[in-house]
């Protein structure tokens, strides 16, 4: 039967690597994820929050849904936006991007 399946032999050699070498790869992966994913996203969220808090009457905005309009009134959690002549909508201010 060994004609179709080759025999497996154990190789003699070195023992397993040390603890530091084993932990190096996961630590490196966490550092890469932090600088490429987590840090830029946190920075964008901070800028968005700052922009929403600075919203004032007369500003022109574009919502995530695609509505374009001018801010008429700004409350604590809502903003009234005029999207056309005589058409006003009330939008909820979001503190962080979705």
Protein backbone atom coordinates (compact mmCIF):
# COMPACT_ATOMS: atom_id res chain seq x y z
CA UNK A 1 0.00 0.00 0.00
CA UNK A 2 2.92 2.36 0.43
CA UNK A 3 3.03 2.63 -3.35
CA UNK A 4 0.24 5.28 -3.33
CA UNK A 5 0.86 6.85 0.07
CA UNK A 6 4.33 7.78 1.13
CA UNK A 7 5.48 6.84 4.59
CA UNK A 8 5.77 9.68 7.09
CA UNK A 9 8.89 9.76 9.20
CA UNK A 10 9.51 11.98 12.18
CA UNK A 11 12.26 14.49 11.69
CA UNK A 12 14.81 14.87 14.42
CA UNK A 13 15.84 18.40 15.12
CA UNK A 14 15.25 21.56 17.07
CA UNK A 15 12.84 22.14 19.91
CA UNK A 16 10.02 24.70 19.73
CA UNK A 17 10.88 28.43 19.76
CA UNK A 18 11.09 30.56 22.89
CA UNK A 19 8.23 32.52 24.43
CA UNK A 20 9.37 35.92 23.20
CA UNK A 21 9.53 34.82 19.58
CA UNK A 22 6.02 33.38 19.79
CA UNK A 23 4.56 36.60 21.23
CA UNK A 24 6.33 38.92 18.79
CA UNK A 25 3.94 38.33 15.86
CA UNK A 26 0.65 39.00 17.74
CA UNK A 27 2.11 42.12 19.35
CA UNK A 28 3.28 43.37 15.96
CA UNK A 29 -0.19 42.70 14.52
CA UNK A 30 -1.88 44.69 17.31
CA UNK A 31 0.46 47.64 16.73
CA UNK A 32 -0.22 47.60 12.98
CA UNK A 33 -4.01 47.46 13.54
CA UNK A 34 -3.78 50.36 15.98
CA UNK A 35 -1.94 52.66 13.58
CA UNK A 36 -3.81 51.65 10.42
CA UNK A 37 -7.37 51.20 11.70
CA UNK A 38 -8.12 52.30 15.25
CA UNK A 39 -6.22 55.59 15.46
CA UNK A 40 -7.48 57.10 12.15
CA UNK A 41 -11.07 56.13 12.95
CA UNK A 42 -10.89 57.73 16.41
CA UNK A 43 -9.41 60.88 14.86
CA UNK A 44 -12.26 61.07 12.30
CA UNK A 45 -14.87 60.57 15.03
CA UNK A 46 -13.31 63.36 17.10
CA UNK A 47 -13.32 65.76 14.11
CA UNK A 48 -16.94 64.87 13.30
CA UNK A 49 -18.05 65.49 16.88
CA UNK A 50 -16.28 68.86 16.87
CA UNK A 51 -17.94 69.80 13.55
CA UNK A 52 -21.44 68.85 14.79
CA UNK A 53 -20.97 70.85 17.99
CA UNK A 54 -19.90 73.90 15.94
CA UNK A 55 -23.06 73.77 13.78
CA UNK A 56 -24.64 77.23 13.62
CA UNK A 57 -27.55 79.04 11.99
CA UNK A 58 -26.89 79.75 8.31
CA UNK A 59 -24.49 76.86 7.71
CA UNK A 60 -25.05 74.71 4.64
CA UNK A 61 -25.02 70.99 5.31
CA UNK A 62 -25.31 67.66 3.52
CA UNK A 63 -26.79 64.76 5.48
CA UNK A 64 -25.83 61.08 5.17
CA UNK A 65 -29.13 60.58 3.37
CA UNK A 66 -28.16 63.15 0.73
CA UNK A 67 -30.31 66.10 1.81
CA UNK A 68 -28.72 69.47 1.12
CA UNK A 69 -29.96 72.49 3.02
CA UNK A 70 -29.34 75.54 5.17
CA UNK A 71 -29.56 75.40 8.96
CA UNK A 72 -32.36 77.58 10.37
CA UNK A 73 -32.26 76.65 14.04
CA UNK A 74 -29.93 74.55 16.20
CA UNK A 75 -31.09 72.88 19.40
CA UNK A 76 -29.37 70.55 21.84
CA UNK A 77 -30.20 67.36 19.93
CA UNK A 78 -32.07 68.57 16.83
CA UNK A 79 -31.45 71.03 13.99
CA UNK A 80 -34.06 72.57 11.69
CA UNK A 81 -32.91 72.65 8.07
CA UNK A 82 -34.53 74.35 5.08
CA UNK A 83 -34.13 72.06 2.07
CA UNK A 84 -36.20 74.19 -0.36
CA UNK A 85 -38.21 77.43 -0.23
CA UNK A 86 -40.73 76.94 2.57
CA UNK A 87 -39.80 73.30 3.21
CA UNK A 88 -38.22 72.71 6.59
CA UNK A 89 -37.16 69.42 8.11
CA UNK A 90 -35.99 68.65 11.60
CA UNK A 91 -32.88 66.47 11.82
CA UNK A 92 -31.38 64.72 14.81
CA UNK A 93 -27.78 65.69 15.43
CA UNK A 94 -25.52 62.65 15.72
CA UNK A 95 -22.57 62.78 18.08
CA UNK A 96 -20.44 60.28 16.18
CA UNK A 97 -20.39 58.89 12.64
CA UNK A 98 -22.36 55.71 12.00
